[in-house]
């Protein structure tokens, strides 16, 4: 995404909301909490790379060989 200039449209809130709506409800709730923490403590708005990092971590957590279901 960083190398393609027209992909910055993914940083717009409505576009990220469409992606977040595809996540399971419990991840949507965790994402909302994550966004609030970034706003409160880092004093910045979220971008698409934050969402990618969040989903990547959630996927790793779900596929943990020891602690996942």
PDB file of N, CA and C in Angstrom:
ATOM      1  N   UNK A   1       0.817  -1.185   0.000  1.00  0.00           N
ATOM      2  CA  UNK A   1       0.000   0.000   0.000  1.00  0.00           C
ATOM      3  C   UNK A   1       0.865   1.255   0.000  1.00  0.00           C
ATOM      4  N   UNK A   2       1.969   1.223   0.709  1.00  0.00           N
ATOM      5  CA  UNK A   2       2.792   2.415   0.836  1.00  0.00           C
ATOM      6  C   UNK A   2       3.412   2.839  -0.492  1.00  0.00           C
ATOM      7  N   UNK A   3       3.624   1.910  -1.384  1.00  0.00           N
ATOM      8  CA  UNK A   3       4.260   2.242  -2.653  1.00  0.00           C
ATOM      9  C   UNK A   3       3.264   2.665  -3.730  1.00  0.00           C
ATOM     10  N   UNK A   4       1.974   2.487  -3.483  1.00  0.00           N
ATOM     11  CA  UNK A   4       0.953   2.846  -4.468  1.00  0.00           C
ATOM     12  C   UNK A   4       0.167   4.038  -3.920  1.00  0.00           C
ATOM     13  N   UNK A   5       0.323   5.194  -4.547  1.00  0.00           N
ATOM     14  CA  UNK A   5      -0.244   6.431  -4.012  1.00  0.00           C
ATOM     15  C   UNK A   5      -1.770   6.423  -3.919  1.00  0.00           C
ATOM     16  N   UNK A   6      -2.460   5.836  -4.864  1.00  0.00           N
ATOM     17  CA  UNK A   6      -3.923   5.868  -4.821  1.00  0.00           C
ATOM     18  C   UNK A   6      -4.507   4.930  -3.768  1.00  0.00           C
ATOM     19  N   UNK A   7      -3.689   4.149  -3.131  1.00  0.00           N
ATOM     20  CA  UNK A   7      -4.168   3.248  -2.080  1.00  0.00           C
ATOM     21  C   UNK A   7      -4.365   3.981  -0.748  1.00  0.00           C
ATOM     22  N   UNK A   8      -3.959   5.242  -0.672  1.00  0.00           N
ATOM     23  CA  UNK A   8      -4.144   5.998   0.569  1.00  0.00           C
ATOM     24  C   UNK A   8      -5.619   6.204   0.887  1.00  0.00           C
ATOM     25  N   UNK A   9      -6.481   5.937  -0.073  1.00  0.00           N
ATOM     26  CA  UNK A   9      -7.921   6.039   0.170  1.00  0.00           C
ATOM     27  C   UNK A   9      -8.353   5.052   1.258  1.00  0.00           C
ATOM     28  N   UNK A  10      -7.568   4.014   1.471  1.00  0.00           N
ATOM     29  CA  UNK A  10      -7.885   3.042   2.519  1.00  0.00           C
ATOM     30  C   UNK A  10      -7.755   3.644   3.917  1.00  0.00           C
ATOM     31  N   UNK A  11      -7.075   4.764   4.051  1.00  0.00           N
ATOM     32  CA  UNK A  11      -6.944   5.436   5.347  1.00  0.00           C
ATOM     33  C   UNK A  11      -8.207   6.192   5.739  1.00  0.00           C
ATOM     34  N   UNK A  12      -9.148   6.377   4.829  1.00  0.00           N
ATOM     35  CA  UNK A  12     -10.378   7.106   5.132  1.00  0.00           C
ATOM     36  C   UNK A  12     -11.270   6.244   6.020  1.00  0.00           C
ATOM     37  N   UNK A  13     -11.846   6.879   7.012  1.00  0.00           N
ATOM     38  CA  UNK A  13     -12.668   6.161   7.994  1.00  0.00           C
ATOM     39  C   UNK A  13     -13.777   5.311   7.391  1.00  0.00           C
ATOM     40  N   UNK A  14     -14.563   5.817   6.439  1.00  0.00           N
ATOM     41  CA  UNK A  14     -15.636   4.970   5.890  1.00  0.00           C
ATOM     42  C   UNK A  14     -15.116   3.681   5.251  1.00  0.00           C
ATOM     43  N   UNK A  15     -13.965   3.759   4.619  1.00  0.00           N
ATOM     44  CA  UNK A  15     -13.401   2.562   3.986  1.00  0.00           C
ATOM     45  C   UNK A  15     -12.902   1.567   5.029  1.00  0.00           C
ATOM     46  N   UNK A  16     -12.313   2.065   6.095  1.00  0.00           N
ATOM     47  CA  UNK A  16     -11.872   1.160   7.158  1.00  0.00           C
ATOM     48  C   UNK A  16     -13.077   0.554   7.882  1.00  0.00           C
ATOM     49  N   UNK A  17     -14.165   1.330   8.012  1.00  0.00           N
ATOM     50  CA  UNK A  17     -15.366   0.809   8.654  1.00  0.00           C
ATOM     51  C   UNK A  17     -15.944  -0.369   7.873  1.00  0.00           C
ATOM     52  N   UNK A  18     -15.891  -0.302   6.568  1.00  0.00           N
ATOM     53  CA  UNK A  18     -16.381  -1.405   5.735  1.00  0.00           C
ATOM     54  C   UNK A  18     -15.586  -2.671   6.022  1.00  0.00           C
ATOM     55  N   UNK A  19     -14.289  -2.522   6.165  1.00  0.00           N
ATOM     56  CA  UNK A  19     -13.431  -3.673   6.452  1.00  0.00           C
ATOM     57  C   UNK A  19     -13.692  -4.205   7.851  1.00  0.00           C
ATOM     58  N   UNK A  20     -13.802  -3.306   8.825  1.00  0.00           N
ATOM     59  CA  UNK A  20     -14.027  -3.719  10.215  1.00  0.00           C
ATOM     60  C   UNK A  20     -15.363  -4.441  10.351  1.00  0.00           C
ATOM     61  N   UNK A  21     -16.367  -4.042   9.585  1.00  0.00           N
ATOM     62  CA  UNK A  21     -17.677  -4.700   9.654  1.00  0.00           C
ATOM     63  C   UNK A  21     -17.614  -6.159   9.214  1.00  0.00           C
ATOM     64  N   UNK A  22     -16.588  -6.529   8.505  1.00  0.00           N
ATOM     65  CA  UNK A  22     -16.428  -7.913   8.061  1.00  0.00           C
ATOM     66  C   UNK A  22     -15.800  -8.792   9.149  1.00  0.00           C
ATOM     67  N   UNK A  23     -15.276  -8.168  10.201  1.00  0.00           N
ATOM     68  CA  UNK A  23     -14.677  -8.919  11.305  1.00  0.00           C
ATOM     69  C   UNK A  23     -15.767  -9.459  12.220  1.00  0.00           C
ATOM     70  N   UNK A  24     -15.465 -10.523  12.962  1.00  0.00           N
ATOM     71  CA  UNK A  24     -16.422 -10.999  13.965  1.00  0.00           C
ATOM     72  C   UNK A  24     -16.688  -9.899  15.005  1.00  0.00           C
ATOM     73  N   UNK A  25     -17.847  -9.954  15.628  1.00  0.00           N
ATOM     74  CA  UNK A  25     -18.268  -8.915  16.564  1.00  0.00           C
ATOM     75  C   UNK A  25     -17.258  -8.685  17.678  1.00  0.00           C
ATOM     76  N   UNK A  26     -16.703  -9.748  18.237  1.00  0.00           N
ATOM     77  CA  UNK A  26     -15.765  -9.562  19.344  1.00  0.00           C
ATOM     78  C   UNK A  26     -14.503  -8.828  18.887  1.00  0.00           C
ATOM     79  N   UNK A  27     -14.080  -9.030  17.629  1.00  0.00           N
ATOM     80  CA  UNK A  27     -12.929  -8.287  17.115  1.00  0.00           C
ATOM     81  C   UNK A  27     -13.299  -6.844  16.803  1.00  0.00           C
ATOM     82  N   UNK A  28     -14.526  -6.616  16.381  1.00  0.00           N
ATOM     83  CA  UNK A  28     -14.968  -5.236  16.168  1.00  0.00           C
ATOM     84  C   UNK A  28     -14.915  -4.465  17.485  1.00  0.00           C
ATOM     85  N   UNK A  29     -15.343  -5.105  18.560  1.00  0.00           N
ATOM     86  CA  UNK A  29     -15.298  -4.463  19.878  1.00  0.00           C
ATOM     87  C   UNK A  29     -13.863  -4.204  20.325  1.00  0.00           C
ATOM     88  N   UNK A  30     -12.993  -5.177  20.117  1.00  0.00           N
ATOM     89  CA  UNK A  30     -11.587  -4.996  20.477  1.00  0.00           C
ATOM     90  C   UNK A  30     -10.946  -3.894  19.633  1.00  0.00           C
ATOM     91  N   UNK A  31     -11.311  -3.813  18.363  1.00  0.00           N
ATOM     92  CA  UNK A  31     -10.782  -2.769  17.487  1.00  0.00           C
ATOM     93  C   UNK A  31     -11.207  -1.388  17.994  1.00  0.00           C
ATOM     94  N   UNK A  32     -12.483  -1.270  18.371  1.00  0.00           N
ATOM     95  CA  UNK A  32     -12.983   0.005  18.888  1.00  0.00           C
ATOM     96  C   UNK A  32     -12.206   0.422  20.139  1.00  0.00           C
ATOM     97  N   UNK A  33     -11.924  -0.531  21.024  1.00  0.00           N
ATOM     98  CA  UNK A  33     -11.136  -0.227  22.214  1.00  0.00           C
ATOM     99  C   UNK A  33      -9.713   0.171  21.837  1.00  0.00           C
ATOM    100  N   UNK A  34      -9.145  -0.504  20.868  1.00  0.00           N
ATOM    101  CA  UNK A  34      -7.794  -0.196  20.395  1.00  0.00           C
ATOM    102  C   UNK A  34      -7.735   1.226  19.818  1.00  0.00           C
ATOM    103  N   UNK A  35      -8.744   1.587  19.040  1.00  0.00           N
ATOM    104  CA  UNK A  35      -8.801   2.934  18.457  1.00  0.00           C
ATOM    105  C   UNK A  35      -8.884   3.983  19.557  1.00  0.00           C
ATOM    106  N   UNK A  36      -9.700   3.728  20.560  1.00  0.00           N
ATOM    107  CA  UNK A  36      -9.834   4.695  21.650  1.00  0.00           C
ATOM    108  C   UNK A  36      -8.516   4.879  22.404  1.00  0.00           C
ATOM    109  N   UNK A  37      -7.783   3.788  22.600  1.00  0.00           N
ATOM    110  CA  UNK A  37      -6.481   3.895  23.272  1.00  0.00           C
ATOM    111  C   UNK A  37      -5.495   4.700  22.440  1.00  0.00           C
ATOM    112  N   UNK A  38      -5.484   4.476  21.131  1.00  0.00           N
ATOM    113  CA  UNK A  38      -4.585   5.240  20.270  1.00  0.00           C
ATOM    114  C   UNK A  38      -4.933   6.721  20.294  1.00  0.00           C
ATOM    115  N   UNK A  39      -6.220   7.025  20.273  1.00  0.00           N
ATOM    116  CA  UNK A  39      -6.632   8.429  20.314  1.00  0.00           C
ATOM    117  C   UNK A  39      -6.266   9.080  21.640  1.00  0.00           C
ATOM    118  N   UNK A  40      -6.507   8.362  22.726  1.00  0.00           N
ATOM    119  CA  UNK A  40      -6.306   8.938  24.057  1.00  0.00           C
ATOM    120  C   UNK A  40      -4.836   9.064  24.424  1.00  0.00           C
ATOM    121  N   UNK A  41      -4.059   8.013  24.179  1.00  0.00           N
ATOM    122  CA  UNK A  41      -2.678   7.999  24.663  1.00  0.00           C
ATOM    123  C   UNK A  41      -1.652   8.443  23.622  1.00  0.00           C
ATOM    124  N   UNK A  42      -1.914   8.169  22.354  1.00  0.00           N
ATOM    125  CA  UNK A  42      -0.962   8.575  21.313  1.00  0.00           C
ATOM    126  C   UNK A  42      -1.379   9.880  20.637  1.00  0.00           C
ATOM    127  N   UNK A  43      -2.600  10.340  20.912  1.00  0.00           N
ATOM    128  CA  UNK A  43      -3.120  11.599  20.365  1.00  0.00           C
ATOM    129  C   UNK A  43      -3.015  11.640  18.842  1.00  0.00           C
ATOM    130  N   UNK A  44      -3.492  10.567  18.217  1.00  0.00           N
ATOM    131  CA  UNK A  44      -3.462  10.514  16.762  1.00  0.00           C
ATOM    132  C   UNK A  44      -4.653   9.714  16.255  1.00  0.00           C
ATOM    133  N   UNK A  45      -4.953   9.888  14.999  1.00  0.00           N
ATOM    134  CA  UNK A  45      -6.016   9.103  14.385  1.00  0.00           C
ATOM    135  C   UNK A  45      -5.420   7.808  13.849  1.00  0.00           C
ATOM    136  N   UNK A  46      -6.250   6.826  13.723  1.00  0.00           N
ATOM    137  CA  UNK A  46      -5.782   5.531  13.217  1.00  0.00           C
ATOM    138  C   UNK A  46      -5.697   5.566  11.700  1.00  0.00           C
ATOM    139  N   UNK A  47      -4.899   4.687  11.158  1.00  0.00           N
ATOM    140  CA  UNK A  47      -4.798   4.567   9.712  1.00  0.00           C
ATOM    141  C   UNK A  47      -4.880   3.091   9.333  1.00  0.00           C
ATOM    142  N   UNK A  48      -4.843   2.824   8.062  1.00  0.00           N
ATOM    143  CA  UNK A  48      -5.021   1.462   7.577  1.00  0.00           C
ATOM    144  C   UNK A  48      -3.936   0.524   8.093  1.00  0.00           C
ATOM    145  N   UNK A  49      -2.719   1.016   8.242  1.00  0.00           N
ATOM    146  CA  UNK A  49      -1.644   0.148   8.743  1.00  0.00           C
ATOM    147  C   UNK A  49      -1.917  -0.292  10.175  1.00  0.00           C
ATOM    148  N   UNK A  50      -2.596   0.539  10.973  1.00  0.00           N
ATOM    149  CA  UNK A  50      -2.988   0.133  12.330  1.00  0.00           C
ATOM    150  C   UNK A  50      -3.987  -1.022  12.261  1.00  0.00           C
ATOM    151  N   UNK A  51      -4.914  -0.931  11.340  1.00  0.00           N
ATOM    152  CA  UNK A  51      -5.907  -1.994  11.172  1.00  0.00           C
ATOM    153  C   UNK A  51      -5.245  -3.287  10.712  1.00  0.00           C
ATOM    154  N   UNK A  52      -4.309  -3.172   9.791  1.00  0.00           N
ATOM    155  CA  UNK A  52      -3.594  -4.356   9.302  1.00  0.00           C
ATOM    156  C   UNK A  52      -2.832  -5.020  10.443  1.00  0.00           C
ATOM    157  N   UNK A  53      -2.158  -4.228  11.250  1.00  0.00           N
ATOM    158  CA  UNK A  53      -1.412  -4.763  12.394  1.00  0.00           C
ATOM    159  C   UNK A  53      -2.354  -5.450  13.377  1.00  0.00           C
ATOM    160  N   UNK A  54      -3.505  -4.823  13.635  1.00  0.00           N
ATOM    161  CA  UNK A  54      -4.486  -5.386  14.554  1.00  0.00           C
ATOM    162  C   UNK A  54      -5.005  -6.735  14.056  1.00  0.00           C
ATOM    163  N   UNK A  55      -5.377  -6.807  12.777  1.00  0.00           N
ATOM    164  CA  UNK A  55      -5.908  -8.057  12.219  1.00  0.00           C
ATOM    165  C   UNK A  55      -4.821  -9.127  12.191  1.00  0.00           C
ATOM    166  N   UNK A  56      -3.599  -8.733  11.883  1.00  0.00           N
ATOM    167  CA  UNK A  56      -2.485  -9.679  11.866  1.00  0.00           C
ATOM    168  C   UNK A  56      -2.271 -10.285  13.258  1.00  0.00           C
ATOM    169  N   UNK A  57      -2.301  -9.450  14.278  1.00  0.00           N
ATOM    170  CA  UNK A  57      -2.149  -9.941  15.649  1.00  0.00           C
ATOM    171  C   UNK A  57      -3.307 -10.855  16.046  1.00  0.00           C
ATOM    172  N   UNK A  58      -4.524 -10.479  15.650  1.00  0.00           N
ATOM    173  CA  UNK A  58      -5.690 -11.306  15.967  1.00  0.00           C
ATOM    174  C   UNK A  58      -5.595 -12.668  15.285  1.00  0.00           C
ATOM    175  N   UNK A  59      -5.105 -12.698  14.065  1.00  0.00           N
ATOM    176  CA  UNK A  59      -4.947 -13.962  13.349  1.00  0.00           C
ATOM    177  C   UNK A  59      -3.885 -14.833  14.005  1.00  0.00           C
ATOM    178  N   UNK A  60      -2.777 -14.222  14.398  1.00  0.00           N
ATOM    179  CA  UNK A  60      -1.729 -14.980  15.093  1.00  0.00           C
ATOM    180  C   UNK A  60      -2.259 -15.537  16.405  1.00  0.00           C
ATOM    181  N   UNK A  61      -3.025 -14.729  17.127  1.00  0.00           N
ATOM    182  CA  UNK A  61      -3.590 -15.161  18.402  1.00  0.00           C
ATOM    183  C   UNK A  61      -4.549 -16.335  18.211  1.00  0.00           C
ATOM    184  N   UNK A  62      -5.370 -16.266  17.184  1.00  0.00           N
ATOM    185  CA  UNK A  62      -6.337 -17.335  16.923  1.00  0.00           C
ATOM    186  C   UNK A  62      -5.669 -18.627  16.486  1.00  0.00           C
ATOM    187  N   UNK A  63      -4.490 -18.531  15.912  1.00  0.00           N
ATOM    188  CA  UNK A  63      -3.802 -19.707  15.410  1.00  0.00           C
ATOM    189  C   UNK A  63      -2.632 -20.145  16.284  1.00  0.00           C
ATOM    190  N   UNK A  64      -2.586 -19.641  17.495  1.00  0.00           N
ATOM    191  CA  UNK A  64      -1.521 -20.045  18.415  1.00  0.00           C
ATOM    192  C   UNK A  64      -1.622 -21.539  18.679  1.00  0.00           C
ATOM    193  N   UNK A  65      -0.526 -22.279  18.487  1.00  0.00           N
ATOM    194  CA  UNK A  65      -0.600 -23.744  18.615  1.00  0.00           C
ATOM    195  C   UNK A  65      -0.852 -24.232  20.049  1.00  0.00           C
ATOM    196  N   UNK A  66      -0.571 -23.415  21.027  1.00  0.00           N
ATOM    197  CA  UNK A  66      -0.718 -23.856  22.401  1.00  0.00           C
ATOM    198  C   UNK A  66      -2.003 -23.349  23.033  1.00  0.00           C
ATOM    199  N   UNK A  67      -2.324 -22.068  22.836  1.00  0.00           N
ATOM    200  CA  UNK A  67      -3.422 -21.465  23.572  1.00  0.00           C
ATOM    201  C   UNK A  67      -4.704 -21.228  22.769  1.00  0.00           C
ATOM    202  N   UNK A  68      -4.685 -21.481  21.480  1.00  0.00           N
ATOM    203  CA  UNK A  68      -5.918 -21.297  20.719  1.00  0.00           C
ATOM    204  C   UNK A  68      -6.795 -22.546  20.862  1.00  0.00           C
ATOM    205  N   UNK A  69      -8.050 -22.412  20.472  1.00  0.00           N
ATOM    206  CA  UNK A  69      -8.981 -23.542  20.608  1.00  0.00           C
ATOM    207  C   UNK A  69      -8.689 -24.629  19.609  1.00  0.00           C
TER     208      UNK A  69
END
